[in-house]
Each structure stands twice: as C-alpha cells, then as structure tokens.
Amino acid sequence: MLKKVPADGGPAVTVRTERLRNVIGLHGATLYYLVERPFIDGTPEFEIRAATPEDAPFRVLARIPSSRAPIWQIVNPALSPDGKWLAQALTDGFTTNLWALSTTTGKWRQITDFGERATFIARRVSWSSDGRSILAAVAEGDSDIVLLEGLTNVGRE
C-alpha cells in the first residue's frame, strides 16, 4: 500500500492499495512504481507501472523476469530528471549492463555493452541533475577456486 503524507505534517492519504515493492518517482502527475510478482516456484517477476494521476488505474510499462535481475541485484529503476527514461541495471549470464526504459513507449534501450566480461552493477543507479549521464558503481569480477590442503591449525589463536 502507498500512502502520501504532507511534508509539513497532517493525515496520510492512501494513493495505491496494491502491494508495492517500491516507489520509483513522481514526474508531473505520473507516479512510477515497482511491483514484485512471485511465481509459484518462488522466483519473482518485477512489473514497472505508471499511473496518471497517481491514484488512477495503472498501465504496465515493462516486466523484468527474474533471470534479468538476480537475487543480489537491486531492482529500483531511477527516473530521469525530464521523466522520459527509467535507468536500470539488467543481467544476462555473468554480465550486467545499464538499460533505459522509455516512459512513453515502454521500450528498452541498451546503454552499456560490456560484452562477455563478468561485470556487475550491484547498487541502484542515478541520473545526473542535467539528465545527460547515468552514474553506476560498476565492478568486474572473476572467481578463482583455491584448494588449501594440509591445514593443521584452522583459525586464529
């Protein structure tokens, strides 16, 4: 449920009654928010919704399957200052790239292409105030498997 509370105090007003995961933002009269829809097997699908005005019936902008958003990844799209795009990190295999979702058409546009490199973006992304850049904490990862044999004293003394 989503409630709106006046910044200077006062009673809260119910805006949405469905179970929300988080609010993405408000641009003009349009509210953008995320709903997690669990499947029978427990994996979630994420649905990005928009409502104009905020308490009107929603329209689905996009769905994000669990395969594109692993459990460690934060699914909280960032709304551009002009309200035209939602930026989100999405994963394919071992690589995470930045994507932008048009709030008008609901079409995704790929922003980065890290190819086959093991790259991840584990935090929420953010737009610059002029909307010309997207900020993201990007890391490259690879794992090594190490076998430790003959340990006689495990831990510290």
Foldseek 3Di string as FASTA:
>chain_A
DDWDADPVGDDIHDQDDDDFPFWQDDDDQKTWGKHWDADPVGFTKIWIWIDGRSNHDIDTLDIHGCQFAPPQADARWHAFLNRQWTWDWTDDDQDIFIWIAGPVRSDIDTDDDPDPFRKDFRDYWYADNVRPDIDTDMDTDDDDDDDDPDDDDPDDD
